[in-house]
Amino acid sequence: MRVVDAERLERGREQALKARTGHDRRPYFYGVAQARYVLRKVFRLVEEEAKRAGIDPLAHQALIQIYGSEAGALRIKDLAKRLDITPAFASNLLKALAGKKLVSASRDKTDNRVSWVRVTKAGLALLHAIDEQVQIHVDYFTRELSDKQTEAALAVLLFYAGVSFKPLRPEK
């Protein structure tokens, strides 16, 4: 596992942010390129493992979003938002997953119009199996990255997420 210096990472984030609006934007785009490379490679590895396990990559993402949600359950409209798809498409996706016994739905206790979808034990077993295979490939891939590539990717991801490592000043 690689350890990254938070101060150096913050400097990289600030440099990327400054370069984004400066005359020479290459340092910013270097970070964007590294971040996109890492994300695309990892997402492709995940998609390939999902397909090998016999599940469509978007259906796999649905399982991840449901199980990984704060409550461990999502409403259809929330899943649609998280996957950036229409609620109708999310509903069809969930019907297919329910048909494979990977998710189950239950009515909300206070509003009968609302259904909550949860990952079943079979769905969870599938998520774990895919993740175990993905981790092998991700570990190999990330060992190939240089410290400079890793830090540039993280700096841009921090910028995208609106995060800084600068200490907060106490209010007076």
C-alpha atoms as a PDB file:
ATOM      1  CA  MET A   1       0.000   0.000   0.000  1.00  0.00           C
ATOM      2  CA  ARG A   2       1.245   3.430  -0.932  1.00  0.00           C
ATOM      3  CA  VAL A   3       1.334   6.207   1.644  1.00  0.00           C
ATOM      4  CA  VAL A   4       0.754   9.740   0.390  1.00  0.00           C
ATOM      5  CA  ASP A   5       1.866  12.887   2.176  1.00  0.00           C
ATOM      6  CA  ALA A   6      -1.293  14.959   2.783  1.00  0.00           C
ATOM      7  CA  GLU A   7       0.600  18.279   2.651  1.00  0.00           C
ATOM      8  CA  ARG A   8       2.162  17.384  -0.696  1.00  0.00           C
ATOM      9  CA  LEU A   9      -1.214  16.220  -1.962  1.00  0.00           C
ATOM     10  CA  GLU A  10      -2.778  19.531  -0.883  1.00  0.00           C
ATOM     11  CA  ARG A  11      -0.031  21.441  -2.701  1.00  0.00           C
ATOM     12  CA  GLY A  12      -0.778  19.377  -5.795  1.00  0.00           C
ATOM     13  CA  ARG A  13      -4.491  20.153  -5.469  1.00  0.00           C
ATOM     14  CA  GLU A  14      -3.728  23.875  -5.158  1.00  0.00           C
ATOM     15  CA  GLN A  15      -1.367  23.757  -8.154  1.00  0.00           C
ATOM     16  CA  ALA A  16      -3.978  21.965 -10.256  1.00  0.00           C
ATOM     17  CA  LEU A  17      -6.627  24.489  -9.244  1.00  0.00           C
ATOM     18  CA  LYS A  18      -4.324  27.406 -10.026  1.00  0.00           C
ATOM     19  CA  ALA A  19      -3.279  25.900 -13.366  1.00  0.00           C
ATOM     20  CA  ARG A  20      -6.926  25.353 -14.293  1.00  0.00           C
ATOM     21  CA  THR A  21      -7.417  29.090 -14.731  1.00  0.00           C
ATOM     22  CA  GLY A  22      -3.862  30.033 -15.683  1.00  0.00           C
ATOM     23  CA  HIS A  23      -2.085  30.467 -18.983  1.00  0.00           C
ATOM     24  CA  ASP A  24      -0.388  27.053 -18.862  1.00  0.00           C
ATOM     25  CA  ARG A  25      -3.127  24.575 -18.018  1.00  0.00           C
ATOM     26  CA  ARG A  26      -1.043  21.486 -18.685  1.00  0.00           C
ATOM     27  CA  PRO A  27      -0.409  20.716 -14.962  1.00  0.00           C
ATOM     28  CA  TYR A  28      -4.165  20.699 -14.413  1.00  0.00           C
ATOM     29  CA  PHE A  29      -4.802  18.479 -17.423  1.00  0.00           C
ATOM     30  CA  TYR A  30      -1.976  16.185 -16.335  1.00  0.00           C
ATOM     31  CA  GLY A  31      -3.915  15.565 -13.121  1.00  0.00           C
ATOM     32  CA  VAL A  32      -7.190  15.174 -15.020  1.00  0.00           C
ATOM     33  CA  ALA A  33      -5.516  12.671 -17.341  1.00  0.00           C
ATOM     34  CA  GLN A  34      -4.152  10.659 -14.420  1.00  0.00           C
ATOM     35  CA  ALA A  35      -7.481  10.699 -12.553  1.00  0.00           C
ATOM     36  CA  ARG A  36      -9.396   9.631 -15.658  1.00  0.00           C
ATOM     37  CA  TYR A  37      -6.838   6.921 -16.406  1.00  0.00           C
ATOM     38  CA  VAL A  38      -7.138   5.441 -12.915  1.00  0.00           C
ATOM     39  CA  LEU A  39     -10.935   5.660 -12.828  1.00  0.00           C
ATOM     40  CA  ARG A  40     -11.419   4.288 -16.344  1.00  0.00           C
ATOM     41  CA  LYS A  41      -9.044   1.397 -15.754  1.00  0.00           C
ATOM     42  CA  VAL A  42     -10.619   0.441 -12.430  1.00  0.00           C
ATOM     43  CA  PHE A  43     -14.171   0.794 -13.777  1.00  0.00           C
ATOM     44  CA  ARG A  44     -13.260  -1.380 -16.765  1.00  0.00           C
ATOM     45  CA  LEU A  45     -11.827  -4.036 -14.436  1.00  0.00           C
ATOM     46  CA  VAL A  46     -15.034  -3.967 -12.375  1.00  0.00           C
ATOM     47  CA  GLU A  47     -17.221  -4.193 -15.483  1.00  0.00           C
ATOM     48  CA  GLU A  48     -15.242  -7.146 -16.830  1.00  0.00           C
ATOM     49  CA  GLU A  49     -15.543  -9.040 -13.548  1.00  0.00           C
ATOM     50  CA  ALA A  50     -19.278  -8.319 -13.384  1.00  0.00           C
ATOM     51  CA  LYS A  51     -19.710  -9.719 -16.898  1.00  0.00           C
ATOM     52  CA  ARG A  52     -17.627 -12.793 -15.987  1.00  0.00           C
ATOM     53  CA  ALA A  53     -19.930 -13.320 -13.015  1.00  0.00           C
ATOM     54  CA  GLY A  54     -22.930 -13.219 -15.346  1.00  0.00           C
ATOM     55  CA  ILE A  55     -24.343  -9.820 -14.439  1.00  0.00           C
ATOM     56  CA  ASP A  56     -24.682  -6.672 -16.522  1.00  0.00           C
ATOM     57  CA  PRO A  57     -22.276  -3.959 -15.299  1.00  0.00           C
ATOM     58  CA  LEU A  58     -25.114  -1.478 -14.696  1.00  0.00           C
ATOM     59  CA  ALA A  59     -27.017  -4.081 -12.670  1.00  0.00           C
ATOM     60  CA  HIS A  60     -23.837  -4.637 -10.676  1.00  0.00           C
ATOM     61  CA  GLN A  61     -23.579  -0.889 -10.088  1.00  0.00           C
ATOM     62  CA  ALA A  62     -27.183  -0.922  -8.894  1.00  0.00           C
ATOM     63  CA  LEU A  63     -26.314  -3.585  -6.325  1.00  0.00           C
ATOM     64  CA  ILE A  64     -23.341  -1.520  -5.173  1.00  0.00           C
ATOM     65  CA  GLN A  65     -25.435   1.634  -4.854  1.00  0.00           C
ATOM     66  CA  ILE A  66     -28.182  -0.147  -2.928  1.00  0.00           C
ATOM     67  CA  TYR A  67     -25.926  -2.064  -0.564  1.00  0.00           C
ATOM     68  CA  GLY A  68     -23.493   0.826  -0.184  1.00  0.00           C
ATOM     69  CA  SER A  69     -26.194   3.364   0.622  1.00  0.00           C
ATOM     70  CA  GLU A  70     -26.364   4.823   4.095  1.00  0.00           C
ATOM     71  CA  ALA A  71     -29.455   2.784   4.984  1.00  0.00           C
ATOM     72  CA  GLY A  72     -28.473  -0.289   2.963  1.00  0.00           C
ATOM     73  CA  ALA A  73     -31.657   0.269   0.957  1.00  0.00           C
ATOM     74  CA  LEU A  74     -32.790   2.707  -1.722  1.00  0.00           C
ATOM     75  CA  ARG A  75     -36.007   3.897  -3.270  1.00  0.00           C
ATOM     76  CA  ILE A  76     -36.283   3.525  -7.043  1.00  0.00           C
ATOM     77  CA  LYS A  77     -36.021   7.276  -7.619  1.00  0.00           C
ATOM     78  CA  ASP A  78     -32.865   7.440  -5.481  1.00  0.00           C
ATOM     79  CA  LEU A  79     -31.289   4.557  -7.363  1.00  0.00           C
ATOM     80  CA  ALA A  80     -32.140   6.261 -10.655  1.00  0.00           C
ATOM     81  CA  LYS A  81     -30.433   9.429  -9.461  1.00  0.00           C
ATOM     82  CA  ARG A  82     -27.335   7.562  -8.251  1.00  0.00           C
ATOM     83  CA  LEU A  83     -27.014   5.692 -11.562  1.00  0.00           C
ATOM     84  CA  ASP A  84     -27.976   8.759 -13.623  1.00  0.00           C
ATOM     85  CA  ILE A  85     -30.791   6.913 -15.393  1.00  0.00           C
ATOM     86  CA  THR A  86     -34.559   7.424 -15.617  1.00  0.00           C
ATOM     87  CA  PRO A  87     -36.772   6.037 -12.846  1.00  0.00           C
ATOM     88  CA  ALA A  88     -38.522   3.838 -15.429  1.00  0.00           C
ATOM     89  CA  PHE A  89     -35.200   2.309 -16.465  1.00  0.00           C
ATOM     90  CA  ALA A  90     -34.232   1.851 -12.801  1.00  0.00           C
ATOM     91  CA  SER A  91     -37.543   0.086 -12.193  1.00  0.00           C
ATOM     92  CA  ASN A  92     -36.900  -2.327 -15.073  1.00  0.00           C
ATOM     93  CA  LEU A  93     -33.363  -2.928 -13.845  1.00  0.00           C
ATOM     94  CA  LEU A  94     -34.670  -3.752 -10.371  1.00  0.00           C
ATOM     95  CA  LYS A  95     -37.303  -6.113 -11.774  1.00  0.00           C
ATOM     96  CA  ALA A  96     -34.540  -8.025 -13.554  1.00  0.00           C
ATOM     97  CA  LEU A  97     -32.444  -8.147 -10.366  1.00  0.00           C
ATOM     98  CA  ALA A  98     -35.464  -9.295  -8.341  1.00  0.00           C
ATOM     99  CA  GLY A  99     -36.093 -12.005 -10.945  1.00  0.00           C
ATOM    100  CA  LYS A 100     -32.589 -13.291 -10.251  1.00  0.00           C
ATOM    101  CA  LYS A 101     -33.271 -13.071  -6.494  1.00  0.00           C
ATOM    102  CA  LEU A 102     -30.473 -10.511  -6.052  1.00  0.00           C
ATOM    103  CA  VAL A 103     -32.701  -7.795  -4.556  1.00  0.00           C
ATOM    104  CA  SER A 104     -35.967  -7.667  -2.642  1.00  0.00           C
ATOM    105  CA  ALA A 105     -38.435  -4.839  -2.172  1.00  0.00           C
ATOM    106  CA  SER A 106     -40.562  -3.901   0.805  1.00  0.00           C
ATOM    107  CA  ARG A 107     -43.098  -1.149   1.394  1.00  0.00           C
ATOM    108  CA  ASP A 108     -42.245   1.844   3.523  1.00  0.00           C
ATOM    109  CA  LYS A 109     -43.724   1.607   7.013  1.00  0.00           C
ATOM    110  CA  THR A 110     -45.207   5.109   6.902  1.00  0.00           C
ATOM    111  CA  ASP A 111     -45.953   5.602   3.188  1.00  0.00           C
ATOM    112  CA  ASN A 112     -47.383   2.605   1.321  1.00  0.00           C
ATOM    113  CA  ARG A 113     -46.606   4.225  -2.041  1.00  0.00           C
ATOM    114  CA  VAL A 114     -42.864   3.963  -1.403  1.00  0.00           C
ATOM    115  CA  SER A 115     -40.837   0.779  -1.876  1.00  0.00           C
ATOM    116  CA  TRP A 116     -37.390   0.190  -0.472  1.00  0.00           C
ATOM    117  CA  VAL A 117     -35.041  -2.135  -2.316  1.00  0.00           C
ATOM    118  CA  ARG A 118     -32.406  -4.183  -0.495  1.00  0.00           C
ATOM    119  CA  VAL A 119     -29.714  -6.577  -1.650  1.00  0.00           C
ATOM    120  CA  THR A 120     -30.462 -10.211  -0.771  1.00  0.00           C
ATOM    121  CA  LYS A 121     -27.958 -12.718   0.602  1.00  0.00           C
ATOM    122  CA  ALA A 122     -27.457 -14.010  -2.950  1.00  0.00           C
ATOM    123  CA  GLY A 123     -26.862 -10.452  -4.165  1.00  0.00           C
ATOM    124  CA  LEU A 124     -24.392  -9.828  -1.395  1.00  0.00           C
ATOM    125  CA  ALA A 125     -22.537 -13.070  -2.161  1.00  0.00           C
ATOM    126  CA  LEU A 126     -22.281 -11.952  -5.795  1.00  0.00           C
ATOM    127  CA  LEU A 127     -20.999  -8.498  -4.783  1.00  0.00           C
ATOM    128  CA  HIS A 128     -18.343 -10.090  -2.559  1.00  0.00           C
ATOM    129  CA  ALA A 129     -17.245 -12.565  -5.237  1.00  0.00           C
ATOM    130  CA  ILE A 130     -16.872  -9.830  -7.856  1.00  0.00           C
ATOM    131  CA  ASP A 131     -15.047  -7.551  -5.433  1.00  0.00           C
ATOM    132  CA  GLU A 132     -12.540 -10.246  -4.502  1.00  0.00           C
ATOM    133  CA  GLN A 133     -11.638 -10.741  -8.153  1.00  0.00           C
ATOM    134  CA  VAL A 134     -11.527  -7.002  -8.850  1.00  0.00           C
ATOM    135  CA  GLN A 135      -9.190  -6.390  -5.924  1.00  0.00           C
ATOM    136  CA  ILE A 136      -6.574  -8.744  -7.375  1.00  0.00           C
ATOM    137  CA  HIS A 137      -6.521  -6.776 -10.635  1.00  0.00           C
ATOM    138  CA  VAL A 138      -6.699  -3.358  -8.980  1.00  0.00           C
ATOM    139  CA  ASP A 139      -3.782  -4.190  -6.684  1.00  0.00           C
ATOM    140  CA  TYR A 140      -1.691  -5.186  -9.695  1.00  0.00           C
ATOM    141  CA  PHE A 141      -2.685  -2.051 -11.630  1.00  0.00           C
ATOM    142  CA  THR A 142      -2.039   0.411  -8.810  1.00  0.00           C
ATOM    143  CA  ARG A 143       1.432  -1.041  -8.186  1.00  0.00           C
ATOM    144  CA  GLU A 144       2.284   0.050 -11.736  1.00  0.00           C
ATOM    145  CA  LEU A 145       1.444   3.702 -11.039  1.00  0.00           C
ATOM    146  CA  SER A 146       4.228   6.067 -10.045  1.00  0.00           C
ATOM    147  CA  ASP A 147       3.905   8.242  -6.937  1.00  0.00           C
ATOM    148  CA  LYS A 148       3.621  11.271  -9.237  1.00  0.00           C
ATOM    149  CA  GLN A 149       0.735   9.709 -11.179  1.00  0.00           C
ATOM    150  CA  THR A 150      -1.072   8.671  -8.006  1.00  0.00           C
ATOM    151  CA  GLU A 151      -0.703  12.082  -6.368  1.00  0.00           C
ATOM    152  CA  ALA A 152      -1.806  13.938  -9.497  1.00  0.00           C
ATOM    153  CA  ALA A 153      -4.899  11.742  -9.789  1.00  0.00           C
ATOM    154  CA  LEU A 154      -5.767  12.201  -6.114  1.00  0.00           C
ATOM    155  CA  ALA A 155      -5.225  15.978  -6.287  1.00  0.00           C
ATOM    156  CA  VAL A 156      -7.742  16.298  -9.108  1.00  0.00           C
ATOM    157  CA  LEU A 157     -10.201  13.954  -7.388  1.00  0.00           C
ATOM    158  CA  LEU A 158      -9.967  16.148  -4.286  1.00  0.00           C
ATOM    159  CA  PHE A 159     -10.703  19.174  -6.450  1.00  0.00           C
ATOM    160  CA  TYR A 160     -13.657  17.387  -8.118  1.00  0.00           C
ATOM    161  CA  ALA A 161     -15.057  16.399  -4.725  1.00  0.00           C
ATOM    162  CA  GLY A 162     -14.602  19.914  -3.329  1.00  0.00           C
ATOM    163  CA  VAL A 163     -12.158  18.765  -0.651  1.00  0.00           C
ATOM    164  CA  SER A 164      -9.095  20.460   0.792  1.00  0.00           C
ATOM    165  CA  PHE A 165      -6.622  19.294   3.415  1.00  0.00           C
ATOM    166  CA  LYS A 166      -6.125  22.828   4.695  1.00  0.00           C
ATOM    167  CA  PRO A 167      -6.798  23.017   8.406  1.00  0.00           C
ATOM    168  CA  LEU A 168      -9.992  24.795   9.329  1.00  0.00           C
ATOM    169  CA  ARG A 169      -9.497  28.035  11.235  1.00  0.00           C
ATOM    170  CA  PRO A 170     -11.454  28.153  14.472  1.00  0.00           C
ATOM    171  CA  GLU A 171     -14.226  30.734  14.497  1.00  0.00           C
ATOM    172  CA  LYS A 172     -13.672  33.745  16.751  1.00  0.00           C
END
